[in-house]
Amino acid sequence: MVTIDAKRLEETFRRYSQIGRTDADGLHRLTLTETDQEVRDLFVEDLKSLNLDIRIDEIGNIFGRKEGTDPNAEPVLIGSHLDSQPYGGRFDGQLGVLSGLETLRTFEDAGIEHRRPIEIVNWTNEEGSRFKPALMGSGTFIGEFDVTETLQHTDSNGVTVAEALEQIGYHGNESCEPREPYDSYLELHIEQGPKLEEADLSVGAVKGVFGMAWLELTIHGDADHAGPSPMHSRRDALVAASDVVSAVRRLSNRVAADVVTTVGELEISPGSINVVPAEARLTIDVRSYDDDTVAELVNRVEREVTAACDREDVTYDLDEIWRIPHTEFSPRVTQTVLDAAETVEADHQAMVSGAGHDATYLNETTDAAMIFVPSVDGKTHNEAEYTEWEDAVAGAQTFAEATKQLASRPDDI
């Protein structure tokens, strides 16, 4: 059994958590910003200390490769992401990258041999908070997104991905694509929900991920003075938007039991206390493990938008900016996680994820799976996000053992 250095992992986690740390002990480390550059520099420094072969691709994905005993064997890819949500938590993504780093350190210290090469990766812009869409680095890597188009995406200030990469020095020369086929991909992540904590378990072997769609809605009305403008003649974009927000919430109870729906952004213009809003822009997120249900949700959202805008005599533009089908992870890799949890004696269960992850895209090109650790009170994407450290260690221990098993696997199994 592999035994990680839990104290070293904790010290590394604390060191990384200082970069972009908020007053409330969270993280504000948006992708391709100065704080992202700082944490990337630290990650590269740690990879160099292990004498790994480091490469950076044109989207800024960072890879470190440890060779195995068989130069012809397909490698195992491990990792996650180091960017955060605005005023997000310390554990989302970062714990996965650092568990991979601790795994490689443990292998080095203990002289553990493995047949297959192991590559660790930090994916660019997993969160999708500064640049859309989410999962940008992994999606581009597997060919889901065109590299040229990805580099031209802009943030709210009009800065392109290419410009941001140049500004922080991580616009690499490597082509953003696999150099060779991978045997498997494994990612550790916090659950971002309450199920493991409610079951009093430390580890989840993730066998699948919800499908989801992101929509962007812009409602066009007319600006008017809040005093002399009669109520019956107003074309108020915000009133229509408010009806849409309520309707989206109600859909979660009407379509299927596992459905979740969210309006995550709402902006109004011109945004003055005594002016009727002329425009409202909002984003809508719908999810289910069933792809037909996601399609039905998108159709129902459009019907609700049409009805709300007709009532207020306003017009709208509704665009689907991202859709990803549900994912069923590799039974082989999922079973490896279950076996590893048994080996390290971590209480565990198989489960599905409501959140999207880089593993979703990697699963399209190789056998992938994930390890979850509990999120206290199910909280995530905020500064209160927390995982009990003993659960983090149990997850990292399971991760190291599963990585060893994957990297030692012969080709005929």
Protein backbone atom coordinates (compact mmCIF):
# COMPACT_ATOMS: atom_id res chain seq x y z
CA MET A 1 0.00 0.00 0.00
CA VAL A 2 1.21 3.52 -0.82
CA THR A 3 1.48 5.83 2.19
CA ILE A 4 1.54 9.55 1.48
CA ASP A 5 3.12 12.17 3.73
CA ALA A 6 -0.04 13.80 5.13
CA LYS A 7 1.87 16.55 6.92
CA ARG A 8 3.73 17.51 3.74
CA LEU A 9 0.46 17.59 1.80
CA GLU A 10 -1.07 19.89 4.40
CA GLU A 11 1.93 22.22 4.37
CA THR A 12 1.86 22.36 0.57
CA PHE A 13 -1.87 23.05 0.61
CA ARG A 14 -1.41 25.93 3.05
CA ARG A 15 1.41 27.39 0.96
CA TYR A 16 -0.65 27.35 -2.23
CA SER A 17 -3.69 28.72 -0.37
CA GLN A 18 -1.81 31.91 0.46
CA ILE A 19 -1.84 32.90 -3.22
CA GLY A 20 -5.09 34.77 -3.81
CA ARG A 21 -6.25 34.25 -0.23
CA THR A 22 -9.21 36.38 0.88
CA ASP A 23 -9.87 37.90 4.29
CA ALA A 24 -12.51 35.21 4.89
CA ASP A 25 -9.97 32.42 4.20
CA GLY A 26 -11.22 31.69 0.70
CA LEU A 27 -9.57 32.13 -2.69
CA HIS A 28 -9.92 34.82 -5.33
CA ARG A 29 -7.66 33.45 -8.07
CA LEU A 30 -9.30 33.94 -11.43
CA THR A 31 -7.75 32.27 -14.43
CA LEU A 32 -4.86 34.01 -16.23
CA THR A 33 -4.56 36.81 -13.66
CA GLU A 34 -1.49 37.82 -11.63
CA THR A 35 -2.45 35.46 -8.80
CA ASP A 36 -2.92 32.63 -11.29
CA GLN A 37 0.54 33.41 -12.66
CA GLU A 38 1.96 33.26 -9.14
CA VAL A 39 0.43 29.88 -8.35
CA ARG A 40 1.48 28.53 -11.76
CA ASP A 41 5.05 29.64 -11.07
CA LEU A 42 4.98 27.78 -7.76
CA PHE A 43 3.56 24.65 -9.42
CA VAL A 44 6.25 24.68 -12.11
CA GLU A 45 8.90 25.12 -9.41
CA ASP A 46 7.56 22.07 -7.58
CA LEU A 47 7.53 20.05 -10.80
CA LYS A 48 11.15 21.00 -11.45
CA SER A 49 12.10 19.81 -7.96
CA LEU A 50 10.93 16.34 -9.01
CA ASN A 51 12.96 16.51 -12.25
CA LEU A 52 9.84 16.08 -14.34
CA ASP A 53 9.69 16.78 -18.06
CA ILE A 54 7.63 19.99 -18.13
CA ARG A 55 5.67 21.31 -21.09
CA ILE A 56 3.16 24.14 -21.48
CA ASP A 57 0.73 24.16 -24.37
CA GLU A 58 -0.74 27.08 -26.32
CA ILE A 59 -3.77 27.31 -23.99
CA GLY A 60 -1.54 27.37 -20.92
CA ASN A 61 -2.19 23.83 -19.69
CA ILE A 62 0.87 22.75 -17.65
CA PHE A 63 2.11 19.14 -17.77
CA GLY A 64 4.82 17.38 -15.80
CA ARG A 65 5.88 13.86 -16.86
CA LYS A 66 7.51 11.13 -14.77
CA GLU A 67 8.74 8.27 -16.91
CA GLY A 68 7.90 4.64 -16.19
CA THR A 69 9.90 1.48 -16.67
CA ASP A 70 8.26 0.74 -20.06
CA PRO A 71 8.96 3.54 -22.58
CA ASN A 72 6.30 2.12 -24.90
CA ALA A 73 3.47 2.03 -22.37
CA GLU A 74 0.59 4.51 -22.60
CA PRO A 75 0.80 7.06 -19.76
CA VAL A 76 -1.60 7.72 -16.90
CA LEU A 77 -2.76 11.34 -16.66
CA ILE A 78 -3.65 12.85 -13.26
CA GLY A 79 -4.54 16.36 -12.16
CA SER A 80 -7.18 19.08 -11.85
CA HIS A 81 -7.12 22.91 -11.84
CA LEU A 82 -5.66 25.77 -9.80
CA ASP A 83 -7.99 28.62 -10.82
CA SER A 84 -10.88 29.59 -8.54
CA GLN A 85 -14.26 31.24 -8.62
CA PRO A 86 -14.50 34.91 -7.56
CA TYR A 87 -14.23 34.76 -3.77
CA GLY A 88 -14.39 30.98 -3.95
CA GLY A 89 -12.93 28.23 -1.80
CA ARG A 90 -9.47 26.77 -1.24
CA PHE A 91 -10.33 23.14 -1.93
CA ASP A 92 -12.05 23.27 -5.34
CA GLY A 93 -9.52 22.00 -7.90
CA GLN A 94 -6.46 22.85 -5.84
CA LEU A 95 -6.79 19.78 -3.61
CA GLY A 96 -6.82 17.58 -6.72
CA VAL A 97 -3.67 19.09 -8.22
CA LEU A 98 -1.81 18.90 -4.92
CA SER A 99 -2.92 15.32 -4.26
CA GLY A 100 -1.35 14.47 -7.61
CA LEU A 101 1.81 16.34 -6.65
CA GLU A 102 1.98 14.51 -3.31
CA THR A 103 1.49 11.19 -5.13
CA LEU A 104 4.53 11.85 -7.31
CA ARG A 105 6.58 13.00 -4.32
CA THR A 106 5.64 9.84 -2.45
CA PHE A 107 6.62 7.64 -5.39
CA GLU A 108 9.95 9.45 -5.60
CA ASP A 109 10.69 9.20 -1.87
CA ALA A 110 9.73 5.53 -1.61
CA GLY A 111 11.37 4.51 -4.88
CA ILE A 112 8.07 3.14 -6.16
CA GLU A 113 8.46 1.84 -9.70
CA HIS A 114 5.60 1.96 -12.16
CA ARG A 115 5.42 0.57 -15.65
CA ARG A 116 3.54 3.45 -17.24
CA PRO A 117 4.65 7.07 -17.39
CA ILE A 118 2.61 9.38 -15.16
CA GLU A 119 1.73 12.92 -16.23
CA ILE A 120 0.32 15.54 -13.88
CA VAL A 121 -1.65 18.48 -15.32
CA ASN A 122 -3.03 21.84 -14.26
CA TRP A 123 -5.89 22.67 -16.64
CA THR A 124 -6.46 26.28 -17.72
CA ASN A 125 -9.80 27.96 -16.93
CA GLU A 126 -11.76 25.07 -15.50
CA GLU A 127 -14.09 27.44 -13.68
CA GLY A 128 -15.29 29.52 -16.62
CA SER A 129 -15.73 32.58 -14.40
CA ARG A 130 -13.46 35.03 -16.23
CA PHE A 131 -13.65 33.45 -19.68
CA LYS A 132 -16.49 31.28 -20.98
CA PRO A 133 -16.95 28.40 -21.47
CA ALA A 134 -15.84 26.41 -18.45
CA LEU A 135 -13.49 23.43 -18.86
CA MET A 136 -11.71 25.45 -21.53
CA GLY A 137 -8.25 23.92 -21.18
CA SER A 138 -9.37 20.30 -21.15
CA GLY A 139 -12.07 20.86 -23.78
CA THR A 140 -9.57 22.41 -26.17
CA PHE A 141 -7.04 19.68 -25.40
CA ILE A 142 -9.36 16.90 -26.52
CA GLY A 143 -10.61 18.82 -29.58
CA GLU A 144 -14.04 19.83 -28.31
CA PHE A 145 -13.13 23.50 -28.81
CA ASP A 146 -11.12 24.98 -31.67
CA VAL A 147 -7.79 26.37 -30.48
CA THR A 148 -8.00 29.54 -32.57
CA GLU A 149 -11.52 30.31 -31.36
CA THR A 150 -10.59 29.58 -27.74
CA LEU A 151 -7.72 32.05 -27.87
CA GLN A 152 -10.08 34.78 -29.09
CA HIS A 153 -12.64 34.49 -26.27
CA THR A 154 -12.80 37.71 -24.25
CA ASP A 155 -13.46 38.59 -20.63
CA SER A 156 -15.77 41.39 -19.47
CA ASN A 157 -13.02 43.95 -20.18
CA GLY A 158 -12.43 42.78 -23.75
CA VAL A 159 -9.14 41.01 -22.99
CA THR A 160 -8.69 37.88 -25.10
CA VAL A 161 -7.44 34.55 -23.78
CA ALA A 162 -4.36 34.92 -25.99
CA GLU A 163 -3.60 38.36 -24.55
CA ALA A 164 -4.08 37.14 -20.99
CA LEU A 165 -1.76 34.17 -21.58
CA GLU A 166 0.92 36.49 -22.96
CA GLN A 167 0.52 38.88 -20.03
CA ILE A 168 1.28 36.17 -17.47
CA GLY A 169 3.89 34.35 -19.57
CA TYR A 170 2.01 31.07 -20.06
CA HIS A 171 1.24 31.09 -23.78
CA GLY A 172 3.20 27.90 -24.40
CA ASN A 173 4.66 26.55 -27.62
CA GLU A 174 3.30 23.01 -27.37
CA SER A 175 0.27 22.13 -29.48
CA CYS A 176 -2.88 21.83 -27.38
CA GLU A 177 -3.57 18.17 -28.07
CA PRO A 178 -2.46 14.79 -26.72
CA ARG A 179 1.03 13.82 -27.87
CA GLU A 180 0.08 10.15 -27.57
CA PRO A 181 -2.87 8.03 -26.40
CA TYR A 182 -3.41 7.91 -22.63
CA ASP A 183 -4.16 4.73 -20.75
CA SER A 184 -6.37 6.55 -18.26
CA TYR A 185 -7.17 9.81 -16.48
CA LEU A 186 -7.84 10.20 -12.76
CA GLU A 187 -8.91 13.35 -10.93
CA LEU A 188 -9.53 14.01 -7.25
CA HIS A 189 -12.04 16.74 -6.37
CA ILE A 190 -14.28 17.89 -3.58
CA GLU A 191 -17.85 16.66 -3.96
CA GLN A 192 -19.42 20.14 -3.91
CA GLY A 193 -22.57 18.62 -2.46
CA PRO A 194 -23.78 17.01 0.80
CA LYS A 195 -24.10 13.30 -0.03
CA LEU A 196 -20.78 11.97 1.31
CA GLU A 197 -21.05 13.96 4.52
CA GLU A 198 -24.63 12.83 5.06
CA ALA A 199 -23.52 9.21 4.59
CA ASP A 200 -20.50 9.76 6.91
CA LEU A 201 -18.10 8.57 4.19
CA SER A 202 -14.66 9.88 3.26
CA VAL A 203 -14.40 8.86 -0.41
CA GLY A 204 -16.69 8.74 -3.41
CA ALA A 205 -15.84 6.74 -6.54
CA VAL A 206 -17.47 8.86 -9.22
CA LYS A 207 -19.06 6.80 -11.98
CA GLY A 208 -20.72 9.62 -13.93
CA VAL A 209 -21.48 13.34 -14.29
CA PHE A 210 -24.69 15.24 -15.01
CA GLY A 211 -25.34 16.67 -18.44
CA MET A 212 -25.91 20.42 -18.57
CA ALA A 213 -26.68 23.43 -20.73
CA TRP A 214 -25.82 27.11 -20.28
CA LEU A 215 -28.05 29.77 -21.78
CA GLU A 216 -27.57 33.53 -22.06
CA LEU A 217 -30.68 35.70 -22.25
CA THR A 218 -30.84 39.40 -23.11
CA ILE A 219 -34.20 41.14 -22.77
CA HIS A 220 -34.77 44.44 -24.59
CA GLY A 221 -37.30 46.97 -23.28
CA ASP A 222 -37.45 50.77 -23.16
CA ALA A 223 -35.91 53.13 -20.62
CA ASP A 224 -38.36 55.61 -19.08
CA HIS A 225 -38.60 58.01 -16.16
CA ALA A 226 -39.82 56.23 -13.03
CA GLY A 227 -42.17 59.10 -12.16
CA PRO A 228 -44.22 60.25 -15.15
CA SER A 229 -44.12 56.95 -17.08
CA PRO A 230 -47.53 55.19 -16.58
CA MET A 231 -47.37 51.59 -15.40
CA HIS A 232 -49.61 50.30 -18.19
CA SER A 233 -47.36 51.60 -20.96
CA ARG A 234 -43.99 50.49 -19.62
CA ARG A 235 -41.79 47.97 -21.40
CA ASP A 236 -39.74 46.93 -18.36
CA ALA A 237 -36.94 44.46 -19.13
CA LEU A 238 -36.36 43.68 -15.46
CA VAL A 239 -39.99 42.72 -14.81
CA ALA A 240 -39.78 40.17 -17.62
CA ALA A 241 -36.42 38.95 -16.32
CA SER A 242 -37.86 38.53 -12.83
CA ASP A 243 -40.65 36.36 -14.23
CA VAL A 244 -38.03 34.23 -16.00
CA VAL A 245 -35.99 33.81 -12.81
CA SER A 246 -39.06 32.53 -10.94
CA ALA A 247 -40.06 30.25 -13.82
CA VAL A 248 -36.57 28.72 -14.05
CA ARG A 249 -36.68 27.94 -10.33
CA ARG A 250 -40.09 26.26 -10.65
CA LEU A 251 -38.87 24.03 -13.49
CA SER A 252 -36.66 22.11 -11.06
CA ASN A 253 -39.78 20.63 -9.47
CA ARG A 254 -41.70 19.89 -12.64
CA VAL A 255 -39.49 17.94 -15.04
CA ALA A 256 -37.52 15.24 -13.17
CA ALA A 257 -36.41 14.46 -9.63
CA ASP A 258 -32.71 15.12 -10.21
CA VAL A 259 -33.11 18.43 -12.08
CA VAL A 260 -31.28 21.53 -10.84
CA THR A 261 -31.76 24.98 -12.39
CA THR A 262 -29.95 28.23 -11.64
CA VAL A 263 -29.89 31.86 -12.74
CA GLY A 264 -26.33 32.76 -11.85
CA GLU A 265 -25.89 36.22 -13.38
CA LEU A 266 -28.27 39.19 -13.70
CA GLU A 267 -27.29 42.60 -15.06
CA ILE A 268 -29.63 45.51 -15.78
CA SER A 269 -29.14 48.69 -17.79
CA PRO A 270 -29.00 51.62 -17.37
CA GLY A 271 -29.09 50.79 -13.65
CA SER A 272 -30.44 54.00 -12.10
CA ILE A 273 -32.92 54.24 -9.25
CA ASN A 274 -35.39 56.41 -11.16
CA VAL A 275 -35.13 54.79 -14.61
CA VAL A 276 -37.21 51.89 -15.92
CA PRO A 277 -34.70 49.19 -16.95
CA ALA A 278 -34.19 49.08 -20.71
CA GLU A 279 -32.18 45.87 -20.82
CA ALA A 280 -31.62 42.82 -18.65
CA ARG A 281 -29.00 40.14 -19.25
CA LEU A 282 -29.05 36.86 -17.35
CA THR A 283 -27.50 33.41 -17.52
CA ILE A 284 -29.35 30.16 -16.99
CA ASP A 285 -27.83 26.79 -15.99
CA VAL A 286 -29.89 23.58 -16.26
CA ARG A 287 -28.68 20.10 -15.32
CA SER A 288 -29.77 16.45 -15.13
CA TYR A 289 -28.15 13.04 -15.48
CA ASP A 290 -30.56 12.40 -18.39
CA ASP A 291 -29.71 14.19 -21.67
CA ASP A 292 -33.33 14.15 -22.88
CA THR A 293 -34.31 15.91 -19.68
CA VAL A 294 -31.70 18.62 -20.32
CA ALA A 295 -33.12 19.10 -23.83
CA GLU A 296 -36.64 19.34 -22.39
CA LEU A 297 -35.45 21.90 -19.85
CA VAL A 298 -33.95 24.08 -22.58
CA ASN A 299 -37.22 23.94 -24.53
CA ARG A 300 -39.24 24.81 -21.46
CA VAL A 301 -36.96 27.71 -20.58
CA GLU A 302 -37.52 29.17 -24.05
CA ARG A 303 -41.30 28.84 -23.68
CA GLU A 304 -41.17 30.58 -20.31
CA VAL A 305 -38.99 33.36 -21.74
CA THR A 306 -41.40 33.89 -24.64
CA ALA A 307 -44.38 34.07 -22.30
CA ALA A 308 -42.68 36.46 -19.88
CA CYS A 309 -41.55 38.79 -22.66
CA ASP A 310 -44.95 38.77 -24.36
CA ARG A 311 -46.61 39.81 -21.09
CA GLU A 312 -44.30 42.80 -20.78
CA ASP A 313 -44.24 43.61 -24.53
CA VAL A 314 -40.45 43.31 -24.73
CA THR A 315 -38.15 41.43 -27.10
CA TYR A 316 -35.31 39.03 -26.35
CA ASP A 317 -32.27 37.16 -27.62
CA LEU A 318 -31.71 33.69 -26.17
CA ASP A 319 -28.48 31.88 -26.97
CA GLU A 320 -27.27 28.46 -25.90
CA ILE A 321 -23.60 29.07 -25.15
CA TRP A 322 -22.63 25.60 -23.95
CA ARG A 323 -24.05 22.09 -23.69
CA ILE A 324 -22.37 18.92 -22.58
CA PRO A 325 -24.01 15.47 -22.39
CA HIS A 326 -23.98 13.38 -19.23
CA THR A 327 -20.86 11.30 -18.73
CA GLU A 328 -20.52 7.65 -17.78
CA PHE A 329 -16.99 7.10 -16.56
CA SER A 330 -14.86 4.06 -17.27
CA PRO A 331 -15.97 1.03 -15.22
CA ARG A 332 -12.34 -0.11 -15.16
CA VAL A 333 -10.99 3.09 -13.63
CA THR A 334 -13.98 3.44 -11.30
CA GLN A 335 -13.36 -0.09 -10.03
CA THR A 336 -9.70 0.78 -9.53
CA VAL A 337 -10.80 3.64 -7.26
CA LEU A 338 -13.10 1.32 -5.31
CA ASP A 339 -10.29 -1.23 -4.94
CA ALA A 340 -7.88 1.49 -3.81
CA ALA A 341 -10.35 2.75 -1.21
CA GLU A 342 -10.65 -0.79 0.12
CA THR A 343 -6.86 -1.13 0.24
CA VAL A 344 -6.34 2.07 2.24
CA GLU A 345 -9.42 1.32 4.38
CA ALA A 346 -11.31 4.50 3.48
CA ASP A 347 -15.08 4.44 3.93
CA HIS A 348 -16.52 4.90 0.47
CA GLN A 349 -19.35 4.56 -2.04
CA ALA A 350 -19.95 4.86 -5.78
CA MET A 351 -21.85 8.00 -6.85
CA VAL A 352 -22.54 10.49 -9.64
CA SER A 353 -21.61 14.18 -9.80
CA GLY A 354 -23.91 17.11 -10.36
CA ALA A 355 -20.96 19.36 -11.21
CA GLY A 356 -18.97 19.30 -14.43
CA HIS A 357 -15.25 18.54 -14.33
CA ASP A 358 -12.28 18.28 -16.66
CA ALA A 359 -12.60 14.50 -16.37
CA THR A 360 -15.85 14.83 -18.33
CA TYR A 361 -13.94 15.82 -21.45
CA LEU A 362 -10.99 13.49 -20.86
CA ASN A 363 -13.44 10.61 -20.75
CA GLU A 364 -14.10 11.21 -24.46
CA THR A 365 -10.52 10.25 -25.35
CA THR A 366 -9.45 7.80 -22.64
CA ASP A 367 -10.74 5.78 -19.68
CA ALA A 368 -11.46 8.32 -16.93
CA ALA A 369 -12.92 8.45 -13.44
CA MET A 370 -12.86 10.65 -10.36
CA ILE A 371 -12.45 10.52 -6.59
CA PHE A 372 -14.62 12.75 -4.42
CA VAL A 373 -14.02 13.85 -0.84
CA PRO A 374 -16.78 15.42 1.29
CA SER A 375 -17.74 19.09 1.30
CA VAL A 376 -18.82 20.28 4.75
CA ASP A 377 -22.53 21.24 4.59
CA GLY A 378 -22.27 20.74 0.81
CA LYS A 379 -20.95 24.29 0.45
CA THR A 380 -18.73 25.23 -2.48
CA HIS A 381 -17.91 28.10 -4.85
CA ASN A 382 -17.76 30.39 -1.83
CA GLU A 383 -15.31 31.27 0.94
CA ALA A 384 -16.98 28.91 3.42
CA GLU A 385 -16.04 25.88 1.29
CA TYR A 386 -14.30 23.33 3.51
CA THR A 387 -13.27 19.69 3.68
CA GLU A 388 -12.22 18.08 6.96
CA TRP A 389 -8.51 17.39 6.69
CA GLU A 390 -8.82 13.73 7.64
CA ASP A 391 -11.18 13.30 4.68
CA ALA A 392 -8.77 15.15 2.39
CA VAL A 393 -5.98 12.79 3.48
CA ALA A 394 -8.19 9.72 2.96
CA GLY A 395 -8.97 10.94 -0.54
CA ALA A 396 -5.33 11.66 -1.34
CA GLN A 397 -4.30 8.28 0.03
CA THR A 398 -6.92 6.58 -2.15
CA PHE A 399 -5.75 8.66 -5.11
CA ALA A 400 -2.11 7.65 -4.67
CA GLU A 401 -3.00 3.97 -4.38
CA ALA A 402 -5.29 4.12 -7.43
CA THR A 403 -2.59 5.92 -9.44
CA LYS A 404 -0.08 3.21 -8.53
CA GLN A 405 -2.49 0.49 -9.64
CA LEU A 406 -3.26 2.25 -12.93
CA ALA A 407 0.40 2.97 -13.66
CA SER A 408 1.39 -0.65 -12.93
CA ARG A 409 -1.31 -2.21 -15.09
CA PRO A 410 -0.24 -4.45 -17.98
CA ASP A 411 -1.77 -3.90 -21.40
CA ASP A 412 -3.85 -7.07 -21.43
CA ILE A 413 -6.09 -6.08 -18.49
